[in-house]
Every structure is written in C-alpha cells, then in structure tokens.
C-alpha atoms as a PDB file:
ATOM      1  CA  MET A   1      -6.918  15.949  -9.258  1.00  0.00           C
ATOM      2  CA  LYS A   2      -7.583  13.228  -6.971  1.00  0.00           C
ATOM      3  CA  LEU A   3      -5.894   9.833  -7.123  1.00  0.00           C
ATOM      4  CA  LEU A   4      -6.588   6.780  -5.648  1.00  0.00           C
ATOM      5  CA  ILE A   5      -4.528   3.667  -5.437  1.00  0.00           C
ATOM      6  CA  VAL A   6      -6.018   0.263  -4.377  1.00  0.00           C
ATOM      7  CA  ARG A   7      -4.667  -2.780  -3.688  1.00  0.00           C
ATOM      8  CA  HIS A   8      -6.306  -6.057  -4.951  1.00  0.00           C
ATOM      9  CA  GLY A   9      -8.159  -8.219  -2.288  1.00  0.00           C
ATOM     10  CA  ASP A  10      -6.805 -11.187  -0.223  1.00  0.00           C
ATOM     11  CA  PRO A  11      -5.170 -13.008  -3.266  1.00  0.00           C
ATOM     12  CA  ASN A  12      -5.097 -16.743  -4.160  1.00  0.00           C
ATOM     13  CA  TYR A  13      -1.487 -16.547  -5.819  1.00  0.00           C
ATOM     14  CA  ALA A  14      -1.802 -19.952  -7.019  1.00  0.00           C
ATOM     15  CA  ILE A  15      -4.447 -19.021  -9.424  1.00  0.00           C
ATOM     16  CA  ASP A  16      -3.636 -15.459  -9.619  1.00  0.00           C
ATOM     17  CA  SER A  17      -7.230 -14.531  -8.614  1.00  0.00           C
ATOM     18  CA  LEU A  18      -8.928 -13.929  -5.228  1.00  0.00           C
ATOM     19  CA  THR A  19      -9.633 -15.964  -2.058  1.00  0.00           C
ATOM     20  CA  ALA A  20     -13.075 -16.150  -0.876  1.00  0.00           C
ATOM     21  CA  LYS A  21     -12.529 -13.894   1.577  1.00  0.00           C
ATOM     22  CA  GLY A  22     -10.677 -11.509  -0.962  1.00  0.00           C
ATOM     23  CA  GLU A  23     -14.063 -11.482  -2.928  1.00  0.00           C
ATOM     24  CA  ARG A  24     -16.020 -10.303   0.334  1.00  0.00           C
ATOM     25  CA  GLU A  25     -13.569  -7.513   0.517  1.00  0.00           C
ATOM     26  CA  ALA A  26     -13.934  -6.610  -3.110  1.00  0.00           C
ATOM     27  CA  ILE A  27     -17.685  -6.453  -2.800  1.00  0.00           C
ATOM     28  CA  LEU A  28     -17.519  -3.919   0.232  1.00  0.00           C
ATOM     29  CA  LEU A  29     -14.749  -2.070  -1.884  1.00  0.00           C
ATOM     30  CA  ALA A  30     -17.404  -1.585  -4.514  1.00  0.00           C
ATOM     31  CA  LYS A  31     -20.034  -0.455  -2.055  1.00  0.00           C
ATOM     32  CA  ARG A  32     -17.399   2.291  -0.946  1.00  0.00           C
ATOM     33  CA  LEU A  33     -16.240   3.217  -4.326  1.00  0.00           C
ATOM     34  CA  SER A  34     -19.687   3.271  -6.205  1.00  0.00           C
ATOM     35  CA  GLY A  35     -20.454   6.802  -5.193  1.00  0.00           C
ATOM     36  CA  LEU A  36     -17.671   8.250  -7.496  1.00  0.00           C
ATOM     37  CA  LYS A  37     -18.661  10.342 -10.386  1.00  0.00           C
ATOM     38  CA  ASN A  38     -16.820  10.468 -13.442  1.00  0.00           C
ATOM     39  CA  ALA A  39     -13.777   8.588 -12.382  1.00  0.00           C
ATOM     40  CA  THR A  40     -11.472   6.832 -14.683  1.00  0.00           C
ATOM     41  CA  PHE A  41     -10.003   3.408 -13.906  1.00  0.00           C
ATOM     42  CA  TYR A  42      -6.912   1.996 -14.709  1.00  0.00           C
ATOM     43  CA  CYS A  43      -5.818  -1.530 -13.561  1.00  0.00           C
ATOM     44  CA  SER A  44      -3.027  -4.063 -13.556  1.00  0.00           C
ATOM     45  CA  VAL A  45      -3.161  -6.711 -16.046  1.00  0.00           C
ATOM     46  CA  LEU A  46      -2.813  -9.617 -13.292  1.00  0.00           C
ATOM     47  CA  GLY A  47      -5.947 -11.783 -12.515  1.00  0.00           C
ATOM     48  CA  ARG A  48      -6.010 -10.454  -8.911  1.00  0.00           C
ATOM     49  CA  ALA A  49      -6.177  -6.857  -9.329  1.00  0.00           C
ATOM     50  CA  LYS A  50      -8.801  -7.533 -12.480  1.00  0.00           C
ATOM     51  CA  LYS A  51     -10.955  -9.435 -10.529  1.00  0.00           C
ATOM     52  CA  THR A  52     -11.080  -6.904  -7.668  1.00  0.00           C
ATOM     53  CA  ALA A  53     -11.703  -3.943 -10.153  1.00  0.00           C
ATOM     54  CA  SER A  54     -14.512  -6.104 -11.434  1.00  0.00           C
ATOM     55  CA  TYR A  55     -17.060  -5.581  -8.818  1.00  0.00           C
ATOM     56  CA  THR A  56     -16.450  -1.788  -8.773  1.00  0.00           C
ATOM     57  CA  LEU A  57     -16.347  -1.543 -12.414  1.00  0.00           C
ATOM     58  CA  ASN A  58     -19.874  -3.387 -12.799  1.00  0.00           C
ATOM     59  CA  ALA A  59     -21.500  -1.455  -9.930  1.00  0.00           C
ATOM     60  CA  LEU A  60     -20.776   1.735 -12.003  1.00  0.00           C
ATOM     61  CA  GLY A  61     -21.060   0.216 -15.503  1.00  0.00           C
ATOM     62  CA  ALA A  62     -17.645   1.410 -15.944  1.00  0.00           C
ATOM     63  CA  THR A  63     -14.583   0.199 -18.092  1.00  0.00           C
ATOM     64  CA  ALA A  64     -10.914   0.003 -17.186  1.00  0.00           C
ATOM     65  CA  THR A  65      -7.768   0.816 -18.969  1.00  0.00           C
ATOM     66  CA  TYR A  66      -5.451  -2.294 -18.459  1.00  0.00           C
ATOM     67  CA  CYS A  67      -1.771  -1.226 -17.910  1.00  0.00           C
ATOM     68  CA  ASP A  68       1.433  -3.636 -17.859  1.00  0.00           C
ATOM     69  CA  TRP A  69       3.379  -1.574 -15.668  1.00  0.00           C
ATOM     70  CA  LEU A  70       0.754  -1.543 -13.071  1.00  0.00           C
ATOM     71  CA  GLN A  71       1.324  -5.006 -12.591  1.00  0.00           C
ATOM     72  CA  GLU A  72       3.277  -6.083  -9.383  1.00  0.00           C
ATOM     73  CA  PHE A  73       6.671  -4.550  -9.446  1.00  0.00           C
ATOM     74  CA  ARG A  74       9.006  -7.080 -11.532  1.00  0.00           C
ATOM     75  CA  GLY A  75      12.432  -6.063 -10.060  1.00  0.00           C
ATOM     76  CA  SER A  76      14.125  -9.057  -8.868  1.00  0.00           C
ATOM     77  CA  VAL A  77      17.385 -10.317  -6.872  1.00  0.00           C
ATOM     78  CA  LYS A  78      18.922 -13.685  -6.404  1.00  0.00           C
ATOM     79  CA  ASP A  79      18.571 -15.405  -3.426  1.00  0.00           C
ATOM     80  CA  GLU A  80      20.885 -17.968  -1.740  1.00  0.00           C
ATOM     81  CA  ASN A  81      20.124 -20.762  -4.394  1.00  0.00           C
ATOM     82  CA  GLY A  82      20.627 -18.365  -7.366  1.00  0.00           C
ATOM     83  CA  ASN A  83      16.677 -18.177  -7.896  1.00  0.00           C
ATOM     84  CA  ASP A  84      15.275 -15.014  -8.839  1.00  0.00           C
ATOM     85  CA  THR A  85      12.727 -13.526  -5.981  1.00  0.00           C
ATOM     86  CA  CYS A  86      11.251 -10.014  -5.467  1.00  0.00           C
ATOM     87  CA  CYS A  87      13.608  -7.320  -4.631  1.00  0.00           C
ATOM     88  CA  TRP A  88      11.209  -5.438  -2.178  1.00  0.00           C
ATOM     89  CA  ASP A  89      11.013  -8.268   0.392  1.00  0.00           C
ATOM     90  CA  ARG A  90      14.353  -8.164   2.060  1.00  0.00           C
ATOM     91  CA  LEU A  91      14.988  -8.790   5.627  1.00  0.00           C
ATOM     92  CA  PRO A  92      15.809  -5.346   7.379  1.00  0.00           C
ATOM     93  CA  ARG A  93      19.573  -6.343   8.118  1.00  0.00           C
ATOM     94  CA  THR A  94      20.170  -6.302   4.675  1.00  0.00           C
ATOM     95  CA  TRP A  95      19.445  -2.674   4.201  1.00  0.00           C
ATOM     96  CA  THR A  96      19.015  -0.572   7.170  1.00  0.00           C
ATOM     97  CA  GLU A  97      22.193  -0.274   8.155  1.00  0.00           C
ATOM     98  CA  GLU A  98      23.218   1.273   4.837  1.00  0.00           C
ATOM     99  CA  PRO A  99      22.532   4.842   4.056  1.00  0.00           C
ATOM    100  CA  ILE A 100      22.246   4.598   0.104  1.00  0.00           C
ATOM    101  CA  TYR A 101      19.026   2.739   0.598  1.00  0.00           C
ATOM    102  CA  PHE A 102      17.410   5.892   2.180  1.00  0.00           C
ATOM    103  CA  THR A 103      18.350   8.032  -0.990  1.00  0.00           C
ATOM    104  CA  LYS A 104      17.392   8.683  -4.267  1.00  0.00           C
ATOM    105  CA  GLU A 105      20.242   6.530  -5.561  1.00  0.00           C
ATOM    106  CA  TRP A 106      18.788   3.443  -3.492  1.00  0.00           C
ATOM    107  CA  TYR A 107      19.063   1.183  -6.788  1.00  0.00           C
ATOM    108  CA  ASN A 108      22.815   1.677  -6.566  1.00  0.00           C
ATOM    109  CA  GLY A 109      23.183  -0.410  -3.303  1.00  0.00           C
ATOM    110  CA  ALA A 110      24.903  -3.735  -3.464  1.00  0.00           C
ATOM    111  CA  LEU A 111      21.481  -5.719  -3.334  1.00  0.00           C
ATOM    112  CA  PHE A 112      20.440  -4.388  -6.599  1.00  0.00           C
ATOM    113  CA  LEU A 113      23.679  -4.025  -8.786  1.00  0.00           C
ATOM    114  CA  GLY A 114      23.580  -6.184 -11.666  1.00  0.00           C
ATOM    115  CA  THR A 115      20.017  -6.829 -11.564  1.00  0.00           C
ATOM    116  CA  ASN A 116      17.145  -5.508 -13.612  1.00  0.00           C
ATOM    117  CA  VAL A 117      15.273  -3.322 -10.528  1.00  0.00           C
ATOM    118  CA  GLU A 118      16.609   0.006 -11.934  1.00  0.00           C
ATOM    119  CA  ALA A 119      15.197  -0.628 -15.375  1.00  0.00           C
ATOM    120  CA  GLU A 120      11.836  -1.731 -13.816  1.00  0.00           C
ATOM    121  CA  TYR A 121      11.904   1.044 -11.586  1.00  0.00           C
ATOM    122  CA  ARG A 122      12.068   3.361 -14.387  1.00  0.00           C
ATOM    123  CA  ILE A 123       9.268   1.555 -16.358  1.00  0.00           C
ATOM    124  CA  VAL A 124       6.693   2.139 -13.922  1.00  0.00           C
ATOM    125  CA  CYS A 125       7.688   5.892 -13.033  1.00  0.00           C
ATOM    126  CA  ASP A 126       7.708   6.535 -16.998  1.00  0.00           C
ATOM    127  CA  GLY A 127       4.086   4.659 -16.942  1.00  0.00           C
ATOM    128  CA  LEU A 128       2.920   6.769 -13.943  1.00  0.00           C
ATOM    129  CA  ASP A 129       4.106  10.232 -15.575  1.00  0.00           C
ATOM    130  CA  ALA A 130       2.610   9.358 -19.018  1.00  0.00           C
ATOM    131  CA  LEU A 131      -0.870   8.739 -17.442  1.00  0.00           C
ATOM    132  CA  LEU A 132      -0.550  12.218 -15.148  1.00  0.00           C
ATOM    133  CA  GLU A 133       0.456  13.932 -18.494  1.00  0.00           C
ATOM    134  CA  ARG A 134      -2.877  12.729 -20.159  1.00  0.00           C
ATOM    135  CA  HIS A 135      -4.910  13.983 -17.054  1.00  0.00           C
ATOM    136  CA  GLY A 136      -2.859  17.522 -17.366  1.00  0.00           C
ATOM    137  CA  TYR A 137       0.166  17.225 -14.935  1.00  0.00           C
ATOM    138  CA  ARG A 138       3.428  17.041 -16.389  1.00  0.00           C
ATOM    139  CA  HIS A 139       6.153  15.605 -13.798  1.00  0.00           C
ATOM    140  CA  VAL A 140       9.146  18.066 -13.822  1.00  0.00           C
ATOM    141  CA  GLY A 141      11.851  17.384 -11.052  1.00  0.00           C
ATOM    142  CA  ASN A 142      10.175  17.058  -8.051  1.00  0.00           C
ATOM    143  CA  HIS A 143       6.920  18.884  -8.783  1.00  0.00           C
ATOM    144  CA  PHE A 144       4.111  18.793 -11.588  1.00  0.00           C
ATOM    145  CA  GLU A 145       3.410  21.224 -14.213  1.00  0.00           C
ATOM    146  CA  VAL A 146      -0.401  22.130 -14.608  1.00  0.00           C
ATOM    147  CA  HIS A 147      -1.531  22.183 -18.070  1.00  0.00           C
ATOM    148  CA  ALA A 148      -4.962  21.515 -17.592  1.00  0.00           C
ATOM    149  CA  PRO A 149      -6.144  21.932 -13.989  1.00  0.00           C
ATOM    150  CA  ASN A 150      -9.226  19.571 -12.947  1.00  0.00           C
ATOM    151  CA  SER A 151     -10.960  17.938 -10.191  1.00  0.00           C
ATOM    152  CA  ASP A 152     -11.001  14.542 -11.873  1.00  0.00           C
ATOM    153  CA  THR A 153     -10.836  11.290  -9.863  1.00  0.00           C
ATOM    154  CA  VAL A 154      -8.259   8.658 -11.128  1.00  0.00           C
ATOM    155  CA  VAL A 155      -8.636   5.177  -9.546  1.00  0.00           C
ATOM    156  CA  LEU A 156      -5.319   2.662  -9.821  1.00  0.00           C
ATOM    157  CA  PHE A 157      -6.259  -0.769  -9.320  1.00  0.00           C
ATOM    158  CA  CYS A 158      -2.766  -2.494  -8.574  1.00  0.00           C
ATOM    159  CA  HIS A 159      -0.406  -4.120  -5.808  1.00  0.00           C
ATOM    160  CA  PHE A 160       1.511  -3.050  -2.815  1.00  0.00           C
ATOM    161  CA  GLY A 161       5.174  -3.522  -4.097  1.00  0.00           C
ATOM    162  CA  VAL A 162       3.970  -1.429  -7.363  1.00  0.00           C
ATOM    163  CA  GLU A 163       2.229   0.942  -5.185  1.00  0.00           C
ATOM    164  CA  SER A 164       5.562   1.741  -2.931  1.00  0.00           C
ATOM    165  CA  VAL A 165       7.225   2.503  -6.247  1.00  0.00           C
ATOM    166  CA  LEU A 166       4.718   5.227  -7.238  1.00  0.00           C
ATOM    167  CA  LEU A 167       4.277   6.689  -3.944  1.00  0.00           C
ATOM    168  CA  SER A 168       8.339   6.845  -4.016  1.00  0.00           C
ATOM    169  CA  HIS A 169       8.211   8.616  -7.284  1.00  0.00           C
ATOM    170  CA  LEU A 170       5.288  10.864  -6.726  1.00  0.00           C
ATOM    171  CA  PHE A 171       7.488  12.105  -3.246  1.00  0.00           C
ATOM    172  CA  GLY A 172      10.796  11.669  -4.769  1.00  0.00           C
ATOM    173  CA  VAL A 173      12.078   9.388  -2.376  1.00  0.00           C
ATOM    174  CA  SER A 174      13.274   5.702  -1.644  1.00  0.00           C
ATOM    175  CA  PRO A 175      10.615   3.184  -2.048  1.00  0.00           C
ATOM    176  CA  MET A 176      12.499   1.103   0.450  1.00  0.00           C
ATOM    177  CA  VAL A 177      10.722   2.853   3.472  1.00  0.00           C
ATOM    178  CA  PHE A 178       7.588   2.103   1.662  1.00  0.00           C
ATOM    179  CA  TRP A 179       8.215  -1.570   1.000  1.00  0.00           C
ATOM    180  CA  HIS A 180       9.353  -2.283   4.198  1.00  0.00           C
ATOM    181  CA  ASN A 181       8.242   0.052   6.774  1.00  0.00           C
ATOM    182  CA  THR A 182       4.458   0.482   5.600  1.00  0.00           C
ATOM    183  CA  CYS A 183       1.729  -2.254   4.312  1.00  0.00           C
ATOM    184  CA  ALA A 184      -1.038  -1.256   2.266  1.00  0.00           C
ATOM    185  CA  LEU A 185      -3.534  -3.922   3.028  1.00  0.00           C
ATOM    186  CA  THR A 186      -6.004  -6.249   0.828  1.00  0.00           C
ATOM    187  CA  THR A 187      -8.394  -3.512  -0.846  1.00  0.00           C
ATOM    188  CA  SER A 188      -6.890  -0.791   1.071  1.00  0.00           C
ATOM    189  CA  VAL A 189      -7.369   2.763  -0.454  1.00  0.00           C
ATOM    190  CA  THR A 190      -4.444   5.527  -0.457  1.00  0.00           C
ATOM    191  CA  THR A 191      -5.887   8.939  -1.154  1.00  0.00           C
ATOM    192  CA  LEU A 192      -3.614  11.589  -2.759  1.00  0.00           C
ATOM    193  CA  VAL A 193      -5.040  15.166  -4.455  1.00  0.00           C
ATOM    194  CA  THR A 194      -2.881  17.721  -6.038  1.00  0.00           C
ATOM    195  CA  GLU A 195      -2.065  20.921  -4.182  1.00  0.00           C
ATOM    196  CA  GLU A 196      -1.672  23.882  -6.561  1.00  0.00           C
ATOM    197  CA  ARG A 197      -1.065  26.930  -3.989  1.00  0.00           C
ATOM    198  CA  GLU A 198       0.822  28.782  -6.590  1.00  0.00           C
ATOM    199  CA  GLN A 199      -0.728  28.610 -10.326  1.00  0.00           C
ATOM    200  CA  GLY A 200       0.395  26.043 -12.469  1.00  0.00           C
ATOM    201  CA  TYR A 201       2.755  24.598 -10.057  1.00  0.00           C
ATOM    202  CA  ALA A 202       1.481  21.517  -8.171  1.00  0.00           C
ATOM    203  CA  ILE A 203       2.472  18.643  -5.597  1.00  0.00           C
ATOM    204  CA  PHE A 204       0.615  15.417  -4.564  1.00  0.00           C
ATOM    205  CA  ARG A 205      -0.394  15.311  -0.741  1.00  0.00           C
ATOM    206  CA  MET A 206      -1.065  12.105   0.473  1.00  0.00           C
ATOM    207  CA  LEU A 207      -4.544  12.743   2.897  1.00  0.00           C
ATOM    208  CA  GLY A 208      -4.981   8.801   3.708  1.00  0.00           C
ATOM    209  CA  PHE A 209      -2.831   5.561   3.477  1.00  0.00           C
ATOM    210  CA  SER A 210      -4.061   1.826   3.418  1.00  0.00           C
ATOM    211  CA  ASP A 211      -7.534   2.832   4.471  1.00  0.00           C
ATOM    212  CA  ILE A 212      -9.733   0.002   4.951  1.00  0.00           C
ATOM    213  CA  SER A 213     -12.720   1.325   6.593  1.00  0.00           C
ATOM    214  CA  HIS A 214     -15.161  -0.305   4.282  1.00  0.00           C
ATOM    215  CA  LEU A 215     -13.939  -3.241   5.712  1.00  0.00           C
ATOM    216  CA  TYR A 216     -14.846  -2.492   9.155  1.00  0.00           C
ATOM    217  CA  ALA A 217     -17.823  -1.020   8.012  1.00  0.00           C
ATOM    218  CA  GLY A 218     -18.930  -4.396   6.709  1.00  0.00           C
ATOM    219  CA  GLU A 219     -17.754  -6.125   9.857  1.00  0.00           C
ATOM    220  CA  GLU A 220     -14.833  -8.027   7.552  1.00  0.00           C
ATOM    221  CA  SER A 221     -11.615  -8.389   9.311  1.00  0.00           C
ATOM    222  CA  PRO A 222      -8.088  -7.362   7.736  1.00  0.00           C
ATOM    223  CA  SER A 223      -6.114  -9.655   5.946  1.00  0.00           C
ATOM    224  CA  PHE A 224      -2.686 -10.417   7.241  1.00  0.00           C
ATOM    225  CA  GLN A 225      -1.361 -10.439   3.638  1.00  0.00           C
ATOM    226  CA  ALA A 226       2.056  -8.675   3.378  1.00  0.00           C
ATOM    227  CA  ARG A 227       2.682  -8.352   6.983  1.00  0.00           C
ATOM    228  CA  PHE A 228       5.402 -10.605   8.917  1.00  0.00           C
ATOM    229  CA  CYS A 229       5.929 -11.688  12.759  1.00  0.00           C
ATOM    230  CA  GLU A 230       5.317  -8.983  15.279  1.00  0.00           C
ATOM    231  CA  GLN A 231       7.655 -10.980  17.677  1.00  0.00           C
ATOM    232  CA  PHE A 232      10.299 -13.196  16.350  1.00  0.00           C
ATOM    233  CA  ASN A 233       9.044 -16.163  18.654  1.00  0.00           C
ATOM    234  CA  ASP A 234       5.454 -16.104  17.632  1.00  0.00           C
ATOM    235  CA  ASP A 235       3.986 -18.628  15.067  1.00  0.00           C
ATOM    236  CA  THR A 236       3.003 -15.874  12.274  1.00  0.00           C
ATOM    237  CA  ARG A 237       4.758 -15.526   8.938  1.00  0.00           C
ATOM    238  CA  HIS A 238       8.676 -14.878   8.983  1.00  0.00           C
END
C-alpha cells in the first residue's frame, strides 16, 4: 500500500483558506496527482486543506472522506500570559536538553503535564490506525499485521503539525523531532509504502519527505510557511 501525506497550500489563516500563492500551488499539485489511479482520499475538515484537496478531486472527478482527526493538531500549552498556544511550536531551548522529549514518553515532559496533549495525540493515532485497518493493515505494537495485502494508494490532505504526529505513530518515535527538526512545506507530498518481507508482517518505509517537485516544475517558489529565521539577526520570522 502507498500512503501519501499532503500538506495544504500557502494558507490565509484569517479566513482558513488559501492565499493566491496557495491556489497556484494547489493547481500544480493537482497536475501532479491527476495521474493517480483508484486512489482513496481523506481530508482534514479545515478550510485550507479542503480548498487544497478540491483541485485534485475536481481533476480526478473524485470525492474525499473528511476526518476531524486530520485537522491541525489540537494539543495546546499555556504561554507566559496564560493563553492557549500550539504545543508543537516551542523554542529549542525548552526541550532539546531534556532526554524525555526524544522518547516514546515525550508527553510526560514538563511542557505537557496537565495539558490535553497526550489525549489529542491518542485521538490522531487511533484515527490513523482505524483508517489503515480498513485498508487491510492492523497496527500491533511497532508493526502492522497484514490482513488484506494490496497496492492501493491512500492520500491524506492535512497539516504539518498533524503530519508529524502521523509519522511519529507510524515509526514509533517522538513527534518532537518531526515538529522541530523537519519542515513539510506547503503542498508538499510525503510518500510512504508498506514493506512486507515476511508474509503478514509489514512496516511503513518513507520514500520521500516534503517533496515539492511539482512547484519547481511549475516555476513556483516554495513558501516560507512553517520555517523560521536561519540566523538570529536576519529579518525573517523568529
């Protein structure tokens, strides 16, 4: 089975849709994905993901199943003013020196105690497991039991924060490294395939992460969304 995880296009967060650039990105993405045969599509319920998916779905005459658990990850922590803020955008100093954040018990770190983070993580993991089981792969420990081996293509239109959770669950590792040490650019495609070297026993292998070759083919520059400054003294996002 092939699993494609697609991030939405350049967002207009104020109206939960796409910018003009995001729409150009989504059109180029649709050209890339329009060759898919017999794919099954799932999509976040948020507007920016639905708008991104719409170009591909229209090109293929396809429909998607909309999943609440695919929306942007809802785990939150309190900022210095007591306001809720996303748990997956933390300054490196707050977690890199604590070994627990690099383990499967990452949600027991001080940053996340007393928050909804573990519960929201379980919701996403359970949603992914149920989806994969419907497609023939049952998650057991750190591998998958294969009940109906297939070459299906499953496409998930979602968001960077939740994509990091999906990958962490598939690989049995902390999402902290994905959240902070990787960046899935807008309309990027992450490709995973099952590997069944022993009958009935599978894992997922990642063939490509954050691929934006469709943007380069269309001479569209990558968005800066989800990135931060390369140097402290430059004038980009801190």
